[in-house]
């Protein structure tokens, strides 16, 4: 599945922020933001704490849930991001910007992640905001597969889960053979 830069990349940033296990420091956030195309990525400690709080709210948008609940969560994020989208021509090609000119980095991150989640839900389907099916994982991910049936955050998790299921089945067969 091909998403535009703001939709797909911003939703993937939302997933990565949602997967943070500890509060983000400005130094830890910088490479994450750079990897997802955020230009203004130098945050103060207070802004990093704001993004940490935001990431907990982003996490609620991933995984199995009723459509109305997912939309309500994303609508609340959109409302709280308080952005004002506009069309920019700064590079000669019209494209959307989701935060006001001069917005601080935290406000921009909140605006683009909320917009990215809404873009994915509306253009690709709400099931594309998933949680890993592996029992020992629970990472959020954006399903960019062609058919939209991805169940694991990575190929590694999918393979590890398949190996675990195979070993459990083999152990069950071995146990049944030993009983008889």
N, C-alpha and C. Protein backbone atom coordinates (compact mmCIF):
# COMPACT_ATOMS: atom_id res chain seq x y z
N UNK A 1 0.85 -1.18 0.00
CA UNK A 1 0.00 0.00 0.00
C UNK A 1 0.89 1.23 0.00
N UNK A 2 0.58 2.17 -0.85
CA UNK A 2 1.35 3.40 -0.92
C UNK A 2 0.55 4.53 -0.29
N UNK A 3 1.15 5.19 0.68
CA UNK A 3 0.53 6.34 1.32
C UNK A 3 1.30 7.59 0.92
N UNK A 4 0.65 8.73 0.99
CA UNK A 4 1.41 9.96 0.77
C UNK A 4 2.32 10.18 1.98
N UNK A 5 3.25 11.12 1.84
CA UNK A 5 4.25 11.33 2.89
C UNK A 5 3.60 11.64 4.24
N UNK A 6 2.69 12.59 4.26
CA UNK A 6 2.10 12.97 5.54
C UNK A 6 1.23 11.86 6.11
N UNK A 7 0.45 11.21 5.28
CA UNK A 7 -0.44 10.18 5.80
C UNK A 7 0.31 8.98 6.34
N UNK A 8 1.05 8.31 5.47
CA UNK A 8 1.72 7.08 5.88
C UNK A 8 2.87 7.30 6.83
N UNK A 9 3.74 8.22 6.48
CA UNK A 9 4.92 8.44 7.32
C UNK A 9 4.52 9.00 8.68
N UNK A 10 3.55 9.87 8.70
CA UNK A 10 3.09 10.42 9.98
C UNK A 10 2.40 9.36 10.83
N UNK A 11 1.66 8.47 10.20
CA UNK A 11 1.03 7.38 10.95
C UNK A 11 2.10 6.42 11.48
N UNK A 12 3.14 6.16 10.69
CA UNK A 12 4.23 5.30 11.18
C UNK A 12 4.98 5.98 12.33
N UNK A 13 5.13 7.29 12.27
CA UNK A 13 5.71 8.02 13.40
C UNK A 13 4.82 7.86 14.62
N UNK A 14 3.50 7.96 14.44
CA UNK A 14 2.57 7.77 15.56
C UNK A 14 2.75 6.39 16.17
N UNK A 15 2.91 5.36 15.34
CA UNK A 15 3.12 4.00 15.85
C UNK A 15 4.42 3.91 16.63
N UNK A 16 5.48 4.51 16.09
CA UNK A 16 6.77 4.45 16.79
C UNK A 16 6.71 5.19 18.12
N UNK A 17 6.05 6.33 18.14
CA UNK A 17 5.90 7.05 19.41
C UNK A 17 5.05 6.24 20.39
N UNK A 18 4.01 5.60 19.90
CA UNK A 18 3.13 4.79 20.75
C UNK A 18 3.88 3.60 21.36
N UNK A 19 4.92 3.14 20.69
CA UNK A 19 5.68 1.99 21.17
C UNK A 19 6.77 2.36 22.17
N UNK A 20 6.93 3.63 22.45
CA UNK A 20 7.95 4.04 23.43
C UNK A 20 7.63 3.47 24.80
N UNK A 21 8.62 2.82 25.41
CA UNK A 21 8.39 2.19 26.71
C UNK A 21 8.73 3.10 27.88
N UNK A 22 9.58 4.06 27.65
CA UNK A 22 9.98 4.99 28.70
C UNK A 22 9.74 6.41 28.20
N UNK A 23 9.63 7.36 29.11
CA UNK A 23 9.47 8.74 28.65
C UNK A 23 10.62 9.14 27.72
N UNK A 24 10.27 9.82 26.64
CA UNK A 24 11.25 10.25 25.66
C UNK A 24 12.04 11.44 26.17
N UNK A 25 13.32 11.44 25.92
CA UNK A 25 14.13 12.63 26.16
C UNK A 25 14.29 13.33 24.82
N UNK A 26 14.62 14.63 24.83
CA UNK A 26 14.83 15.32 23.56
C UNK A 26 15.88 14.63 22.69
N UNK A 27 16.93 14.14 23.31
CA UNK A 27 18.01 13.48 22.56
C UNK A 27 17.54 12.17 21.92
N UNK A 28 16.68 11.42 22.63
CA UNK A 28 16.15 10.16 22.08
C UNK A 28 15.15 10.41 20.95
N UNK A 29 14.41 11.48 21.06
CA UNK A 29 13.39 11.79 20.05
C UNK A 29 13.98 12.26 18.73
N UNK A 30 15.10 12.93 18.78
CA UNK A 30 15.65 13.55 17.57
C UNK A 30 15.85 12.55 16.42
N UNK A 31 16.54 11.41 16.61
CA UNK A 31 16.70 10.49 15.48
C UNK A 31 15.38 9.85 15.03
N UNK A 32 14.46 9.64 15.95
CA UNK A 32 13.15 9.09 15.59
C UNK A 32 12.41 10.07 14.68
N UNK A 33 12.42 11.33 15.06
CA UNK A 33 11.74 12.35 14.27
C UNK A 33 12.42 12.53 12.91
N UNK A 34 13.75 12.50 12.91
CA UNK A 34 14.48 12.63 11.64
C UNK A 34 14.14 11.49 10.69
N UNK A 35 14.06 10.27 11.22
CA UNK A 35 13.76 9.10 10.39
C UNK A 35 12.38 9.20 9.74
N UNK A 36 11.50 9.99 10.33
CA UNK A 36 10.15 10.13 9.79
C UNK A 36 9.92 11.48 9.12
N UNK A 37 11.00 12.16 8.79
CA UNK A 37 10.91 13.38 7.98
C UNK A 37 10.50 14.64 8.71
N UNK A 38 10.59 14.64 10.03
CA UNK A 38 10.25 15.85 10.78
C UNK A 38 11.47 16.77 10.74
N UNK A 39 11.30 17.97 10.19
CA UNK A 39 12.42 18.88 10.00
C UNK A 39 12.77 19.59 11.30
N UNK A 40 11.77 20.17 11.95
CA UNK A 40 11.99 20.87 13.23
C UNK A 40 11.88 19.84 14.33
N UNK A 41 13.02 19.30 14.77
CA UNK A 41 12.99 18.18 15.71
C UNK A 41 13.78 18.40 16.99
N UNK A 42 14.26 19.61 17.22
CA UNK A 42 14.96 19.90 18.47
C UNK A 42 13.91 20.35 19.48
N UNK A 43 13.70 19.52 20.50
CA UNK A 43 12.67 19.79 21.50
C UNK A 43 13.30 20.15 22.83
N UNK A 44 12.58 20.93 23.58
CA UNK A 44 12.97 21.20 24.96
C UNK A 44 12.53 20.01 25.81
N UNK A 45 13.04 19.88 27.02
CA UNK A 45 12.57 18.80 27.89
C UNK A 45 11.05 18.86 28.12
N UNK A 46 10.50 20.05 28.24
CA UNK A 46 9.05 20.18 28.44
C UNK A 46 8.29 19.70 27.20
N UNK A 47 8.79 20.01 26.01
CA UNK A 47 8.14 19.54 24.78
C UNK A 47 8.26 18.03 24.64
N UNK A 48 9.42 17.48 25.03
CA UNK A 48 9.58 16.02 24.98
C UNK A 48 8.58 15.35 25.93
N UNK A 49 8.37 15.94 27.10
CA UNK A 49 7.38 15.40 28.04
C UNK A 49 5.97 15.50 27.46
N UNK A 50 5.71 16.58 26.74
CA UNK A 50 4.41 16.75 26.09
C UNK A 50 4.20 15.65 25.03
N UNK A 51 5.26 15.34 24.28
CA UNK A 51 5.17 14.28 23.26
C UNK A 51 5.01 12.93 23.94
N UNK A 52 5.64 12.72 25.09
CA UNK A 52 5.46 11.46 25.83
C UNK A 52 3.99 11.29 26.21
N UNK A 53 3.38 12.32 26.75
CA UNK A 53 1.95 12.26 27.09
C UNK A 53 1.11 12.00 25.83
N UNK A 54 1.46 12.65 24.75
CA UNK A 54 0.76 12.48 23.48
C UNK A 54 0.89 11.04 22.99
N UNK A 55 2.07 10.46 23.16
CA UNK A 55 2.31 9.10 22.67
C UNK A 55 1.41 8.09 23.38
N UNK A 56 1.10 8.31 24.64
CA UNK A 56 0.17 7.43 25.37
C UNK A 56 -1.21 7.52 24.73
N UNK A 57 -1.59 8.69 24.28
CA UNK A 57 -2.89 8.84 23.61
C UNK A 57 -2.87 8.22 22.22
N UNK A 58 -1.74 8.33 21.54
CA UNK A 58 -1.61 7.69 20.22
C UNK A 58 -1.77 6.18 20.35
N UNK A 59 -1.22 5.62 21.41
CA UNK A 59 -1.25 4.16 21.61
C UNK A 59 -2.68 3.62 21.63
N UNK A 60 -3.62 4.42 22.11
CA UNK A 60 -5.02 3.98 22.19
C UNK A 60 -5.67 3.84 20.83
N UNK A 61 -5.03 4.31 19.77
CA UNK A 61 -5.61 4.27 18.43
C UNK A 61 -5.25 3.00 17.65
N UNK A 62 -4.41 2.15 18.21
CA UNK A 62 -3.94 0.96 17.51
C UNK A 62 -4.56 -0.29 18.10
N UNK A 63 -4.73 -1.30 17.27
CA UNK A 63 -5.24 -2.60 17.73
C UNK A 63 -6.71 -2.77 17.45
N UNK A 64 -7.21 -3.92 17.89
CA UNK A 64 -8.62 -4.26 17.66
C UNK A 64 -9.51 -3.43 18.56
N UNK A 65 -10.47 -2.75 17.96
CA UNK A 65 -11.43 -1.95 18.71
C UNK A 65 -12.58 -1.60 17.77
N UNK A 66 -13.71 -1.28 18.33
CA UNK A 66 -14.83 -0.88 17.46
C UNK A 66 -14.47 0.39 16.68
N UNK A 67 -14.97 0.48 15.47
CA UNK A 67 -14.67 1.60 14.60
C UNK A 67 -15.04 2.93 15.27
N UNK A 68 -16.19 2.99 15.91
CA UNK A 68 -16.62 4.24 16.54
C UNK A 68 -15.63 4.68 17.62
N UNK A 69 -15.09 3.73 18.37
CA UNK A 69 -14.12 4.05 19.42
C UNK A 69 -12.82 4.57 18.80
N UNK A 70 -12.33 3.90 17.73
CA UNK A 70 -11.10 4.34 17.07
C UNK A 70 -11.28 5.75 16.53
N UNK A 71 -12.41 6.00 15.87
CA UNK A 71 -12.65 7.32 15.31
C UNK A 71 -12.76 8.38 16.40
N UNK A 72 -13.40 8.03 17.51
CA UNK A 72 -13.51 8.98 18.63
C UNK A 72 -12.12 9.32 19.19
N UNK A 73 -11.26 8.31 19.33
CA UNK A 73 -9.90 8.55 19.83
C UNK A 73 -9.15 9.49 18.89
N UNK A 74 -9.23 9.22 17.59
CA UNK A 74 -8.51 10.05 16.62
C UNK A 74 -9.12 11.44 16.53
N UNK A 75 -10.45 11.53 16.60
CA UNK A 75 -11.09 12.86 16.60
C UNK A 75 -10.65 13.69 17.79
N UNK A 76 -10.50 13.05 18.95
CA UNK A 76 -10.02 13.78 20.14
C UNK A 76 -8.59 14.28 19.93
N UNK A 77 -7.76 13.45 19.28
CA UNK A 77 -6.40 13.88 18.98
C UNK A 77 -6.40 15.06 18.00
N UNK A 78 -7.23 14.95 16.97
CA UNK A 78 -7.32 16.05 16.00
C UNK A 78 -7.77 17.34 16.67
N UNK A 79 -8.74 17.24 17.55
CA UNK A 79 -9.24 18.43 18.24
C UNK A 79 -8.17 19.03 19.14
N UNK A 80 -7.44 18.18 19.84
CA UNK A 80 -6.42 18.68 20.76
C UNK A 80 -5.16 19.16 20.05
N UNK A 81 -4.94 18.67 18.84
CA UNK A 81 -3.78 19.15 18.08
C UNK A 81 -4.00 20.60 17.64
N UNK A 82 -5.26 20.98 17.53
CA UNK A 82 -5.63 22.36 17.21
C UNK A 82 -4.80 22.91 16.07
N UNK A 83 -4.68 22.15 15.01
CA UNK A 83 -3.90 22.62 13.88
C UNK A 83 -4.80 23.27 12.85
N UNK A 84 -4.19 23.97 11.96
CA UNK A 84 -4.93 24.60 10.88
C UNK A 84 -4.23 24.22 9.58
N UNK A 85 -4.70 23.16 8.94
CA UNK A 85 -4.05 22.71 7.70
C UNK A 85 -4.09 23.80 6.63
N UNK A 86 -3.05 23.80 5.81
CA UNK A 86 -3.00 24.73 4.69
C UNK A 86 -2.16 24.12 3.58
N UNK A 87 -2.35 24.63 2.37
CA UNK A 87 -1.58 24.17 1.22
C UNK A 87 -0.32 25.01 1.12
N UNK A 88 0.81 24.33 1.00
CA UNK A 88 2.09 25.00 0.88
C UNK A 88 2.63 24.82 -0.53
N UNK A 89 3.36 25.83 -0.99
CA UNK A 89 4.04 25.78 -2.28
C UNK A 89 5.54 26.02 -2.12
N UNK A 90 6.08 25.81 -0.90
CA UNK A 90 7.47 26.18 -0.66
C UNK A 90 8.47 25.44 -1.54
N UNK A 91 8.11 24.29 -2.06
CA UNK A 91 9.02 23.57 -2.96
C UNK A 91 8.50 23.56 -4.40
N UNK A 92 7.51 24.39 -4.70
CA UNK A 92 6.98 24.49 -6.05
C UNK A 92 5.85 23.53 -6.35
N UNK A 93 5.59 22.57 -5.46
CA UNK A 93 4.53 21.58 -5.66
C UNK A 93 3.51 21.75 -4.53
N UNK A 94 2.22 21.91 -4.86
CA UNK A 94 1.26 22.07 -3.77
C UNK A 94 1.16 20.81 -2.92
N UNK A 95 1.23 20.98 -1.62
CA UNK A 95 1.04 19.87 -0.67
C UNK A 95 0.56 20.43 0.65
N UNK A 96 -0.03 19.54 1.46
CA UNK A 96 -0.63 19.95 2.72
C UNK A 96 0.41 20.07 3.82
N UNK A 97 0.24 21.07 4.65
CA UNK A 97 0.95 21.19 5.91
C UNK A 97 -0.13 21.17 6.98
N UNK A 98 0.14 20.48 8.06
CA UNK A 98 -0.90 20.28 9.08
C UNK A 98 -0.71 21.10 10.34
N UNK A 99 0.32 21.91 10.40
CA UNK A 99 0.47 22.79 11.54
C UNK A 99 0.76 24.20 11.06
N UNK A 100 0.46 25.14 11.90
CA UNK A 100 0.61 26.55 11.54
C UNK A 100 2.08 26.90 11.32
N UNK A 101 2.29 27.88 10.47
CA UNK A 101 3.64 28.39 10.26
C UNK A 101 4.17 28.88 11.60
N UNK A 102 5.38 28.46 11.94
CA UNK A 102 5.99 28.89 13.20
C UNK A 102 5.57 28.08 14.41
N UNK A 103 4.79 27.03 14.21
CA UNK A 103 4.38 26.19 15.36
C UNK A 103 5.61 25.56 15.99
N UNK A 104 5.58 25.39 17.30
CA UNK A 104 6.71 24.73 17.95
C UNK A 104 6.73 23.25 17.55
N UNK A 105 7.90 22.60 17.68
CA UNK A 105 8.01 21.22 17.23
C UNK A 105 6.98 20.27 17.84
N UNK A 106 6.65 20.44 19.11
CA UNK A 106 5.67 19.54 19.74
C UNK A 106 4.30 19.71 19.10
N UNK A 107 3.90 20.94 18.85
CA UNK A 107 2.61 21.18 18.20
C UNK A 107 2.59 20.59 16.81
N UNK A 108 3.70 20.70 16.10
CA UNK A 108 3.78 20.14 14.75
C UNK A 108 3.68 18.61 14.79
N UNK A 109 4.39 17.98 15.71
CA UNK A 109 4.36 16.52 15.83
C UNK A 109 2.96 16.04 16.16
N UNK A 110 2.30 16.74 17.07
CA UNK A 110 0.93 16.37 17.43
C UNK A 110 0.00 16.50 16.22
N UNK A 111 0.15 17.58 15.47
CA UNK A 111 -0.72 17.80 14.31
C UNK A 111 -0.50 16.74 13.24
N UNK A 112 0.76 16.44 12.91
CA UNK A 112 1.00 15.50 11.81
C UNK A 112 0.65 14.07 12.21
N UNK A 113 0.87 13.69 13.46
CA UNK A 113 0.53 12.32 13.85
C UNK A 113 -0.98 12.13 13.88
N UNK A 114 -1.72 13.10 14.39
CA UNK A 114 -3.19 13.01 14.39
C UNK A 114 -3.71 12.97 12.96
N UNK A 115 -3.18 13.83 12.10
CA UNK A 115 -3.61 13.85 10.70
C UNK A 115 -3.23 12.54 10.00
N UNK A 116 -2.05 12.01 10.31
CA UNK A 116 -1.62 10.76 9.69
C UNK A 116 -2.53 9.60 10.05
N UNK A 117 -2.91 9.50 11.32
CA UNK A 117 -3.82 8.43 11.73
C UNK A 117 -5.18 8.58 11.04
N UNK A 118 -5.67 9.80 10.98
CA UNK A 118 -6.97 10.01 10.33
C UNK A 118 -6.89 9.69 8.84
N UNK A 119 -5.78 10.03 8.21
CA UNK A 119 -5.59 9.72 6.80
C UNK A 119 -5.64 8.21 6.56
N UNK A 120 -4.93 7.45 7.37
CA UNK A 120 -4.90 6.00 7.19
C UNK A 120 -6.29 5.41 7.40
N UNK A 121 -6.97 5.81 8.46
CA UNK A 121 -8.30 5.27 8.74
C UNK A 121 -9.27 5.58 7.61
N UNK A 122 -9.22 6.80 7.10
CA UNK A 122 -10.18 7.21 6.07
C UNK A 122 -9.82 6.73 4.67
N UNK A 123 -8.54 6.62 4.35
CA UNK A 123 -8.18 6.28 2.97
C UNK A 123 -7.80 4.82 2.79
N UNK A 124 -7.32 4.17 3.84
CA UNK A 124 -6.88 2.78 3.68
C UNK A 124 -7.70 1.80 4.51
N UNK A 125 -8.28 2.28 5.59
CA UNK A 125 -9.11 1.43 6.44
C UNK A 125 -8.61 1.38 7.86
N UNK A 126 -9.52 1.35 8.81
CA UNK A 126 -9.15 1.39 10.23
C UNK A 126 -8.34 0.17 10.67
N UNK A 127 -8.50 -0.96 10.00
CA UNK A 127 -7.76 -2.16 10.38
C UNK A 127 -6.28 -2.06 10.10
N UNK A 128 -5.86 -1.02 9.42
CA UNK A 128 -4.43 -0.84 9.11
C UNK A 128 -3.63 -0.34 10.30
N UNK A 129 -4.31 0.07 11.37
CA UNK A 129 -3.63 0.48 12.59
C UNK A 129 -3.67 -0.70 13.55
N UNK A 130 -2.65 -1.54 13.50
CA UNK A 130 -2.68 -2.80 14.21
C UNK A 130 -1.78 -2.89 15.42
N UNK A 131 -1.91 -4.01 16.10
CA UNK A 131 -1.04 -4.40 17.22
C UNK A 131 -0.52 -5.79 16.90
N UNK A 132 0.71 -6.06 17.25
CA UNK A 132 1.36 -7.33 16.95
C UNK A 132 0.58 -8.49 17.58
N UNK A 133 0.39 -9.56 16.81
CA UNK A 133 -0.37 -10.73 17.27
C UNK A 133 0.48 -11.69 18.10
N UNK A 134 1.79 -11.49 18.13
CA UNK A 134 2.66 -12.37 18.92
C UNK A 134 2.37 -12.14 20.40
N UNK A 135 2.18 -13.22 21.12
CA UNK A 135 1.78 -13.12 22.53
C UNK A 135 2.73 -12.33 23.40
N UNK A 136 4.02 -12.36 23.11
CA UNK A 136 4.99 -11.65 23.95
C UNK A 136 5.30 -10.25 23.43
N UNK A 137 4.57 -9.81 22.44
CA UNK A 137 4.76 -8.48 21.87
C UNK A 137 3.41 -7.76 21.93
N UNK A 138 3.39 -6.51 21.68
CA UNK A 138 2.13 -5.77 21.59
C UNK A 138 2.38 -4.45 20.88
N UNK A 139 3.42 -4.45 20.05
CA UNK A 139 3.82 -3.21 19.38
C UNK A 139 2.77 -2.76 18.38
N UNK A 140 2.58 -1.45 18.33
CA UNK A 140 1.69 -0.84 17.35
C UNK A 140 2.40 -0.79 16.00
N UNK A 141 1.64 -0.93 14.92
CA UNK A 141 2.21 -0.80 13.58
C UNK A 141 1.15 -0.32 12.61
N UNK A 142 1.61 0.21 11.49
CA UNK A 142 0.74 0.60 10.40
C UNK A 142 0.92 -0.45 9.32
N UNK A 143 -0.15 -1.11 8.97
CA UNK A 143 -0.11 -2.17 7.96
C UNK A 143 -0.04 -1.54 6.57
N UNK A 144 1.12 -1.67 5.94
CA UNK A 144 1.29 -1.12 4.59
C UNK A 144 1.32 -2.24 3.55
N UNK A 145 0.92 -3.44 3.96
CA UNK A 145 0.90 -4.57 3.03
C UNK A 145 -0.16 -4.33 1.95
N UNK A 146 0.00 -5.00 0.86
CA UNK A 146 -0.92 -4.83 -0.27
C UNK A 146 -2.35 -5.24 0.11
N UNK A 147 -2.49 -6.37 0.80
CA UNK A 147 -3.84 -6.87 1.09
C UNK A 147 -4.39 -6.43 2.45
N UNK A 148 -3.59 -5.76 3.25
CA UNK A 148 -4.07 -5.25 4.53
C UNK A 148 -4.36 -6.33 5.56
N UNK A 149 -3.62 -7.43 5.52
CA UNK A 149 -3.88 -8.53 6.46
C UNK A 149 -2.70 -8.81 7.38
N UNK A 150 -1.83 -7.87 7.53
CA UNK A 150 -0.66 -8.06 8.38
C UNK A 150 -1.10 -8.21 9.83
N UNK A 151 -0.48 -9.15 10.54
CA UNK A 151 -0.84 -9.40 11.93
C UNK A 151 0.32 -9.16 12.90
N UNK A 152 1.51 -8.97 12.37
CA UNK A 152 2.70 -8.85 13.22
C UNK A 152 3.42 -7.55 12.91
N UNK A 153 4.11 -7.04 13.92
CA UNK A 153 4.81 -5.77 13.75
C UNK A 153 6.01 -5.92 12.82
N UNK A 154 6.65 -7.08 12.82
CA UNK A 154 7.81 -7.32 11.97
C UNK A 154 7.79 -8.76 11.47
N UNK A 155 8.59 -9.03 10.47
CA UNK A 155 8.74 -10.40 9.97
C UNK A 155 9.35 -11.27 11.08
N UNK A 156 10.24 -10.69 11.86
CA UNK A 156 10.86 -11.44 12.95
C UNK A 156 9.82 -11.94 13.94
N UNK A 157 8.89 -11.09 14.34
CA UNK A 157 7.83 -11.52 15.25
C UNK A 157 6.97 -12.61 14.61
N UNK A 158 6.66 -12.47 13.33
CA UNK A 158 5.86 -13.48 12.63
C UNK A 158 6.60 -14.81 12.63
N UNK A 159 7.88 -14.80 12.30
CA UNK A 159 8.67 -16.03 12.28
C UNK A 159 8.80 -16.65 13.66
N UNK A 160 9.07 -15.85 14.68
CA UNK A 160 9.19 -16.37 16.04
C UNK A 160 7.89 -17.00 16.51
N UNK A 161 6.77 -16.39 16.15
CA UNK A 161 5.48 -16.94 16.54
C UNK A 161 5.22 -18.26 15.82
N UNK A 162 5.58 -18.32 14.54
CA UNK A 162 5.40 -19.56 13.77
C UNK A 162 6.25 -20.68 14.35
N UNK A 163 7.48 -20.37 14.72
CA UNK A 163 8.36 -21.38 15.33
C UNK A 163 7.78 -21.84 16.66
N UNK A 164 7.29 -20.92 17.46
CA UNK A 164 6.71 -21.29 18.76
C UNK A 164 5.48 -22.18 18.57
N UNK A 165 4.63 -21.87 17.59
CA UNK A 165 3.46 -22.71 17.33
C UNK A 165 3.88 -24.10 16.85
N UNK A 166 4.90 -24.14 15.99
CA UNK A 166 5.40 -25.43 15.49
C UNK A 166 5.96 -26.27 16.63
N UNK A 167 6.75 -25.67 17.49
CA UNK A 167 7.33 -26.40 18.61
C UNK A 167 6.26 -26.88 19.58
N UNK A 168 5.25 -26.07 19.81
CA UNK A 168 4.17 -26.48 20.70
C UNK A 168 3.41 -27.66 20.10
N UNK A 169 3.15 -27.62 18.80
CA UNK A 169 2.46 -28.72 18.14
C UNK A 169 3.31 -30.00 18.16
N UNK A 170 4.61 -29.86 17.94
CA UNK A 170 5.51 -31.02 17.97
C UNK A 170 5.58 -31.61 19.37
N UNK A 171 5.60 -30.76 20.37
CA UNK A 171 5.63 -31.24 21.76
C UNK A 171 4.34 -32.00 22.09
N UNK A 172 3.23 -31.50 21.60
CA UNK A 172 1.94 -32.16 21.83
C UNK A 172 1.91 -33.54 21.17
N UNK A 173 2.43 -33.63 19.96
CA UNK A 173 2.50 -34.93 19.26
C UNK A 173 3.42 -35.87 20.02
N UNK A 174 4.55 -35.36 20.48
CA UNK A 174 5.50 -36.19 21.24
C UNK A 174 4.88 -36.65 22.54
N UNK A 175 4.16 -35.79 23.21
CA UNK A 175 3.51 -36.15 24.46
C UNK A 175 2.45 -37.23 24.22
N UNK A 176 1.68 -37.06 23.15
CA UNK A 176 0.64 -38.07 22.81
C UNK A 176 1.29 -39.42 22.50
N UNK A 177 2.43 -39.41 21.83
CA UNK A 177 3.13 -40.65 21.52
C UNK A 177 3.66 -41.33 22.78
N UNK A 178 4.09 -40.55 23.74
CA UNK A 178 4.63 -41.10 25.00
C UNK A 178 3.52 -41.65 25.88
N UNK A 179 2.32 -41.13 25.79
CA UNK A 179 1.20 -41.56 26.62
C UNK A 179 0.70 -42.93 26.16
N UNK A 180 0.74 -43.17 24.85
CA UNK A 180 0.18 -44.42 24.33
C UNK A 180 1.13 -45.56 24.38
